């Protein structure tokens, strides 16, 4: 008598899966995803408080802006006189920026990034003096506390990326609070 329960249950599961699939699997373009998400009476809750300002869930937002960031870093790196480049570090304030430099950067002739964030801190300053650095994920005001000269290199704003990933690239010279990057390294550890 209840033969209809199995097909109805399977149909309900399939319909629910297809209805919610775009919220968790990137099957739609970003623009279509945002329109789709707006139709639901709820938003996906952010994993952390810092993610409240992201336009999409964290796992989607972090898919955008990396290529443009690396291209801007390459522009900054190429602007450094050739004799200075061997000692020009690319310092990222978080592991995601450092990872993007390490993965995409070789295409643009960039060296591996250094960072004080998470396990990147364990790898140290890689023998850079700190006298010329390209800094990511910081503000010019903050960088001026560490360096004598800070040049802002604007990067394209990506509205889909997390807001903190749209900060400018900073070309910094003249470490002023420490004699060397090795001396500063213990103070750069960021473990969150």
C-alpha atoms as a PDB file:
ATOM      1  CA  UNK A   1       0.000   0.000   0.000  1.00  0.00           C
ATOM      2  CA  UNK A   2       2.835   2.405   0.757  1.00  0.00           C
ATOM      3  CA  UNK A   3       4.834   1.669  -2.428  1.00  0.00           C
ATOM      4  CA  UNK A   4       4.783   5.417  -3.249  1.00  0.00           C
ATOM      5  CA  UNK A   5       6.934   6.332  -0.182  1.00  0.00           C
ATOM      6  CA  UNK A   6      10.253   5.182  -1.711  1.00  0.00           C
ATOM      7  CA  UNK A   7       9.921   7.084  -5.006  1.00  0.00           C
ATOM      8  CA  UNK A   8       8.633  10.155  -3.163  1.00  0.00           C
ATOM      9  CA  UNK A   9      11.556  10.051  -0.708  1.00  0.00           C
ATOM     10  CA  UNK A  10      14.124   9.665  -3.508  1.00  0.00           C
ATOM     11  CA  UNK A  11      12.477  12.473  -5.474  1.00  0.00           C
ATOM     12  CA  UNK A  12      12.511  14.743  -2.396  1.00  0.00           C
ATOM     13  CA  UNK A  13      16.197  14.028  -1.751  1.00  0.00           C
ATOM     14  CA  UNK A  14      17.116  14.696  -5.385  1.00  0.00           C
ATOM     15  CA  UNK A  15      15.116  17.933  -5.522  1.00  0.00           C
ATOM     16  CA  UNK A  16      16.671  19.141  -2.260  1.00  0.00           C
ATOM     17  CA  UNK A  17      20.163  18.242  -3.495  1.00  0.00           C
ATOM     18  CA  UNK A  18      19.690  20.122  -6.748  1.00  0.00           C
ATOM     19  CA  UNK A  19      18.140  23.117  -4.985  1.00  0.00           C
ATOM     20  CA  UNK A  20      21.036  23.512  -2.522  1.00  0.00           C
ATOM     21  CA  UNK A  21      23.916  22.241  -4.682  1.00  0.00           C
ATOM     22  CA  UNK A  22      24.906  25.712  -6.008  1.00  0.00           C
ATOM     23  CA  UNK A  23      25.347  26.943  -2.437  1.00  0.00           C
ATOM     24  CA  UNK A  24      28.151  24.452  -1.812  1.00  0.00           C
ATOM     25  CA  UNK A  25      29.555  23.419  -5.199  1.00  0.00           C
ATOM     26  CA  UNK A  26      30.735  26.057  -7.710  1.00  0.00           C
ATOM     27  CA  UNK A  27      28.385  25.197 -10.574  1.00  0.00           C
ATOM     28  CA  UNK A  28      27.229  28.780 -11.258  1.00  0.00           C
ATOM     29  CA  UNK A  29      29.128  31.865 -12.350  1.00  0.00           C
ATOM     30  CA  UNK A  30      29.738  34.368  -9.511  1.00  0.00           C
ATOM     31  CA  UNK A  31      27.046  36.741 -10.795  1.00  0.00           C
ATOM     32  CA  UNK A  32      24.506  33.921 -11.142  1.00  0.00           C
ATOM     33  CA  UNK A  33      25.500  32.565  -7.730  1.00  0.00           C
ATOM     34  CA  UNK A  34      24.798  35.922  -6.060  1.00  0.00           C
ATOM     35  CA  UNK A  35      21.387  36.111  -7.773  1.00  0.00           C
ATOM     36  CA  UNK A  36      20.631  32.533  -6.747  1.00  0.00           C
ATOM     37  CA  UNK A  37      21.710  33.123  -3.152  1.00  0.00           C
ATOM     38  CA  UNK A  38      19.502  36.227  -2.940  1.00  0.00           C
ATOM     39  CA  UNK A  39      16.417  34.094  -3.624  1.00  0.00           C
ATOM     40  CA  UNK A  40      16.842  32.120  -0.420  1.00  0.00           C
ATOM     41  CA  UNK A  41      15.318  33.438   2.808  1.00  0.00           C
ATOM     42  CA  UNK A  42      18.646  32.840   4.572  1.00  0.00           C
ATOM     43  CA  UNK A  43      22.357  33.434   4.016  1.00  0.00           C
ATOM     44  CA  UNK A  44      25.095  30.934   4.617  1.00  0.00           C
ATOM     45  CA  UNK A  45      26.598  31.798   7.978  1.00  0.00           C
ATOM     46  CA  UNK A  46      30.245  32.904   7.877  1.00  0.00           C
ATOM     47  CA  UNK A  47      32.823  30.628   9.455  1.00  0.00           C
ATOM     48  CA  UNK A  48      34.489  33.512  11.274  1.00  0.00           C
ATOM     49  CA  UNK A  49      33.565  37.040  12.317  1.00  0.00           C
ATOM     50  CA  UNK A  50      36.045  38.502   9.822  1.00  0.00           C
ATOM     51  CA  UNK A  51      34.094  36.909   6.974  1.00  0.00           C
ATOM     52  CA  UNK A  52      30.914  38.916   7.621  1.00  0.00           C
ATOM     53  CA  UNK A  53      31.866  41.482   4.982  1.00  0.00           C
ATOM     54  CA  UNK A  54      32.510  38.964   2.206  1.00  0.00           C
ATOM     55  CA  UNK A  55      30.013  39.037  -0.657  1.00  0.00           C
ATOM     56  CA  UNK A  56      29.919  35.232  -0.882  1.00  0.00           C
ATOM     57  CA  UNK A  57      30.823  32.347   1.403  1.00  0.00           C
ATOM     58  CA  UNK A  58      34.506  32.269   2.288  1.00  0.00           C
ATOM     59  CA  UNK A  59      35.265  29.215   0.173  1.00  0.00           C
ATOM     60  CA  UNK A  60      34.057  31.115  -2.916  1.00  0.00           C
ATOM     61  CA  UNK A  61      35.405  34.578  -2.106  1.00  0.00           C
ATOM     62  CA  UNK A  62      38.923  33.232  -1.766  1.00  0.00           C
ATOM     63  CA  UNK A  63      38.836  32.121  -5.399  1.00  0.00           C
ATOM     64  CA  UNK A  64      39.106  35.679  -6.712  1.00  0.00           C
ATOM     65  CA  UNK A  65      41.770  38.334  -7.113  1.00  0.00           C
ATOM     66  CA  UNK A  66      44.921  36.212  -6.884  1.00  0.00           C
ATOM     67  CA  UNK A  67      46.047  36.533 -10.495  1.00  0.00           C
ATOM     68  CA  UNK A  68      45.630  40.312 -10.372  1.00  0.00           C
ATOM     69  CA  UNK A  69      47.539  40.478  -7.080  1.00  0.00           C
ATOM     70  CA  UNK A  70      50.445  38.450  -8.495  1.00  0.00           C
ATOM     71  CA  UNK A  71      50.521  40.607 -11.643  1.00  0.00           C
ATOM     72  CA  UNK A  72      50.724  43.746  -9.488  1.00  0.00           C
ATOM     73  CA  UNK A  73      53.523  42.211  -7.412  1.00  0.00           C
ATOM     74  CA  UNK A  74      55.370  41.356 -10.637  1.00  0.00           C
ATOM     75  CA  UNK A  75      55.009  44.990 -11.729  1.00  0.00           C
ATOM     76  CA  UNK A  76      56.486  46.128  -8.394  1.00  0.00           C
ATOM     77  CA  UNK A  77      59.274  43.534  -8.552  1.00  0.00           C
ATOM     78  CA  UNK A  78      60.196  44.541 -12.104  1.00  0.00           C
ATOM     79  CA  UNK A  79      60.391  48.191 -11.007  1.00  0.00           C
ATOM     80  CA  UNK A  80      63.180  47.349  -8.541  1.00  0.00           C
ATOM     81  CA  UNK A  81      66.660  47.925 -10.030  1.00  0.00           C
ATOM     82  CA  UNK A  82      68.159  44.623 -11.127  1.00  0.00           C
ATOM     83  CA  UNK A  83      71.065  44.783  -8.666  1.00  0.00           C
ATOM     84  CA  UNK A  84      68.527  45.059  -5.782  1.00  0.00           C
ATOM     85  CA  UNK A  85      66.226  42.226  -6.901  1.00  0.00           C
ATOM     86  CA  UNK A  86      68.248  39.343  -5.449  1.00  0.00           C
ATOM     87  CA  UNK A  87      67.647  40.839  -1.984  1.00  0.00           C
ATOM     88  CA  UNK A  88      64.016  41.885  -2.581  1.00  0.00           C
ATOM     89  CA  UNK A  89      61.666  39.822  -0.441  1.00  0.00           C
ATOM     90  CA  UNK A  90      57.974  39.418  -1.114  1.00  0.00           C
ATOM     91  CA  UNK A  91      56.359  39.462   2.334  1.00  0.00           C
ATOM     92  CA  UNK A  92      52.729  38.349   2.594  1.00  0.00           C
ATOM     93  CA  UNK A  93      50.697  39.038   5.707  1.00  0.00           C
ATOM     94  CA  UNK A  94      48.739  35.817   5.303  1.00  0.00           C
ATOM     95  CA  UNK A  95      49.370  32.332   4.024  1.00  0.00           C
ATOM     96  CA  UNK A  96      46.882  32.678   1.145  1.00  0.00           C
ATOM     97  CA  UNK A  97      48.766  35.624  -0.372  1.00  0.00           C
ATOM     98  CA  UNK A  98      52.066  33.797   0.111  1.00  0.00           C
ATOM     99  CA  UNK A  99      50.625  30.673  -1.483  1.00  0.00           C
ATOM    100  CA  UNK A 100      49.371  32.645  -4.490  1.00  0.00           C
ATOM    101  CA  UNK A 101      52.853  34.107  -4.993  1.00  0.00           C
ATOM    102  CA  UNK A 102      54.416  30.653  -4.701  1.00  0.00           C
ATOM    103  CA  UNK A 103      51.938  29.038  -7.117  1.00  0.00           C
ATOM    104  CA  UNK A 104      51.369  31.742  -9.741  1.00  0.00           C
ATOM    105  CA  UNK A 105      54.516  33.853  -9.254  1.00  0.00           C
ATOM    106  CA  UNK A 106      57.025  31.638 -11.120  1.00  0.00           C
ATOM    107  CA  UNK A 107      55.137  32.420 -14.349  1.00  0.00           C
ATOM    108  CA  UNK A 108      56.116  36.076 -13.768  1.00  0.00           C
ATOM    109  CA  UNK A 109      59.671  35.385 -12.587  1.00  0.00           C
ATOM    110  CA  UNK A 110      58.913  36.029  -8.900  1.00  0.00           C
ATOM    111  CA  UNK A 111      60.825  34.413  -6.026  1.00  0.00           C
ATOM    112  CA  UNK A 112      59.036  32.450  -3.314  1.00  0.00           C
ATOM    113  CA  UNK A 113      57.180  34.529  -0.770  1.00  0.00           C
ATOM    114  CA  UNK A 114      57.969  34.827   2.911  1.00  0.00           C
ATOM    115  CA  UNK A 115      55.370  35.353   5.598  1.00  0.00           C
ATOM    116  CA  UNK A 116      54.973  35.502   9.332  1.00  0.00           C
ATOM    117  CA  UNK A 117      51.581  33.792   9.104  1.00  0.00           C
ATOM    118  CA  UNK A 118      50.984  30.198  10.192  1.00  0.00           C
ATOM    119  CA  UNK A 119      53.643  27.699   9.034  1.00  0.00           C
ATOM    120  CA  UNK A 120      55.240  30.187   6.656  1.00  0.00           C
ATOM    121  CA  UNK A 121      56.800  31.788   9.736  1.00  0.00           C
ATOM    122  CA  UNK A 122      58.684  28.538  10.433  1.00  0.00           C
ATOM    123  CA  UNK A 123      60.536  28.846   7.125  1.00  0.00           C
ATOM    124  CA  UNK A 124      62.081  32.117   8.220  1.00  0.00           C
ATOM    125  CA  UNK A 125      63.209  35.150   6.248  1.00  0.00           C
ATOM    126  CA  UNK A 126      65.209  33.083   3.696  1.00  0.00           C
ATOM    127  CA  UNK A 127      68.361  35.207   4.023  1.00  0.00           C
ATOM    128  CA  UNK A 128      66.700  38.444   2.902  1.00  0.00           C
ATOM    129  CA  UNK A 129      68.060  41.550   4.614  1.00  0.00           C
ATOM    130  CA  UNK A 130      64.693  43.323   4.670  1.00  0.00           C
ATOM    131  CA  UNK A 131      66.074  46.486   3.083  1.00  0.00           C
ATOM    132  CA  UNK A 132      63.803  46.117   0.036  1.00  0.00           C
ATOM    133  CA  UNK A 133      60.503  44.310   0.425  1.00  0.00           C
ATOM    134  CA  UNK A 134      57.234  44.031  -1.431  1.00  0.00           C
ATOM    135  CA  UNK A 135      54.572  43.828   1.284  1.00  0.00           C
ATOM    136  CA  UNK A 136      51.089  42.382   0.782  1.00  0.00           C
ATOM    137  CA  UNK A 137      48.025  42.672   2.986  1.00  0.00           C
ATOM    138  CA  UNK A 138      49.083  45.759   4.899  1.00  0.00           C
ATOM    139  CA  UNK A 139      48.268  49.455   4.912  1.00  0.00           C
ATOM    140  CA  UNK A 140      50.761  52.171   3.991  1.00  0.00           C
ATOM    141  CA  UNK A 141      50.397  53.668   7.488  1.00  0.00           C
ATOM    142  CA  UNK A 142      51.330  50.408   9.167  1.00  0.00           C
ATOM    143  CA  UNK A 143      54.227  49.770   6.789  1.00  0.00           C
ATOM    144  CA  UNK A 144      55.662  53.235   7.513  1.00  0.00           C
ATOM    145  CA  UNK A 145      56.246  52.154  11.108  1.00  0.00           C
ATOM    146  CA  UNK A 146      58.688  49.544   9.797  1.00  0.00           C
ATOM    147  CA  UNK A 147      60.191  51.203   6.694  1.00  0.00           C
ATOM    148  CA  UNK A 148      61.646  54.594   5.804  1.00  0.00           C
ATOM    149  CA  UNK A 149      60.120  54.615   2.326  1.00  0.00           C
ATOM    150  CA  UNK A 150      56.771  53.110   1.249  1.00  0.00           C
ATOM    151  CA  UNK A 151      55.505  53.295  -2.334  1.00  0.00           C
ATOM    152  CA  UNK A 152      51.883  52.325  -2.931  1.00  0.00           C
ATOM    153  CA  UNK A 153      51.218  50.290  -6.062  1.00  0.00           C
ATOM    154  CA  UNK A 154      47.456  50.129  -6.609  1.00  0.00           C
ATOM    155  CA  UNK A 155      45.975  46.853  -7.678  1.00  0.00           C
ATOM    156  CA  UNK A 156      42.687  46.194  -9.429  1.00  0.00           C
ATOM    157  CA  UNK A 157      39.789  46.022  -6.972  1.00  0.00           C
ATOM    158  CA  UNK A 158      37.902  42.744  -7.156  1.00  0.00           C
ATOM    159  CA  UNK A 159      34.434  43.073  -5.592  1.00  0.00           C
ATOM    160  CA  UNK A 160      34.119  39.287  -5.242  1.00  0.00           C
ATOM    161  CA  UNK A 161      37.317  38.902  -3.217  1.00  0.00           C
ATOM    162  CA  UNK A 162      37.389  39.356   0.563  1.00  0.00           C
ATOM    163  CA  UNK A 163      37.825  43.078   1.365  1.00  0.00           C
ATOM    164  CA  UNK A 164      41.167  42.554   3.105  1.00  0.00           C
ATOM    165  CA  UNK A 165      42.526  41.006  -0.106  1.00  0.00           C
ATOM    166  CA  UNK A 166      42.000  44.263  -1.991  1.00  0.00           C
ATOM    167  CA  UNK A 167      44.730  46.171  -0.157  1.00  0.00           C
ATOM    168  CA  UNK A 168      47.439  47.773  -2.311  1.00  0.00           C
ATOM    169  CA  UNK A 169      50.841  46.256  -2.933  1.00  0.00           C
ATOM    170  CA  UNK A 170      53.546  48.155  -1.041  1.00  0.00           C
ATOM    171  CA  UNK A 171      57.123  48.538  -2.219  1.00  0.00           C
ATOM    172  CA  UNK A 172      59.065  49.230   0.966  1.00  0.00           C
ATOM    173  CA  UNK A 173      62.680  50.250   1.483  1.00  0.00           C
ATOM    174  CA  UNK A 174      64.906  50.881   4.476  1.00  0.00           C
ATOM    175  CA  UNK A 175      63.989  48.710   7.437  1.00  0.00           C
ATOM    176  CA  UNK A 176      64.100  51.124  10.358  1.00  0.00           C
ATOM    177  CA  UNK A 177      63.078  49.370  13.580  1.00  0.00           C
ATOM    178  CA  UNK A 178      65.521  46.456  13.266  1.00  0.00           C
ATOM    179  CA  UNK A 179      69.001  45.954  11.840  1.00  0.00           C
ATOM    180  CA  UNK A 180      67.855  43.085   9.638  1.00  0.00           C
ATOM    181  CA  UNK A 181      64.852  40.997   8.749  1.00  0.00           C
ATOM    182  CA  UNK A 182      66.318  38.135  10.805  1.00  0.00           C
ATOM    183  CA  UNK A 183      66.209  40.391  13.889  1.00  0.00           C
ATOM    184  CA  UNK A 184      62.608  41.374  13.122  1.00  0.00           C
ATOM    185  CA  UNK A 185      61.440  37.823  12.372  1.00  0.00           C
ATOM    186  CA  UNK A 186      60.438  36.825  15.944  1.00  0.00           C
ATOM    187  CA  UNK A 187      58.098  39.843  16.021  1.00  0.00           C
ATOM    188  CA  UNK A 188      56.380  38.915  12.752  1.00  0.00           C
ATOM    189  CA  UNK A 189      54.772  35.671  13.875  1.00  0.00           C
ATOM    190  CA  UNK A 190      51.029  35.613  13.268  1.00  0.00           C
ATOM    191  CA  UNK A 191      49.258  32.472  14.417  1.00  0.00           C
ATOM    192  CA  UNK A 192      45.483  32.660  14.119  1.00  0.00           C
END
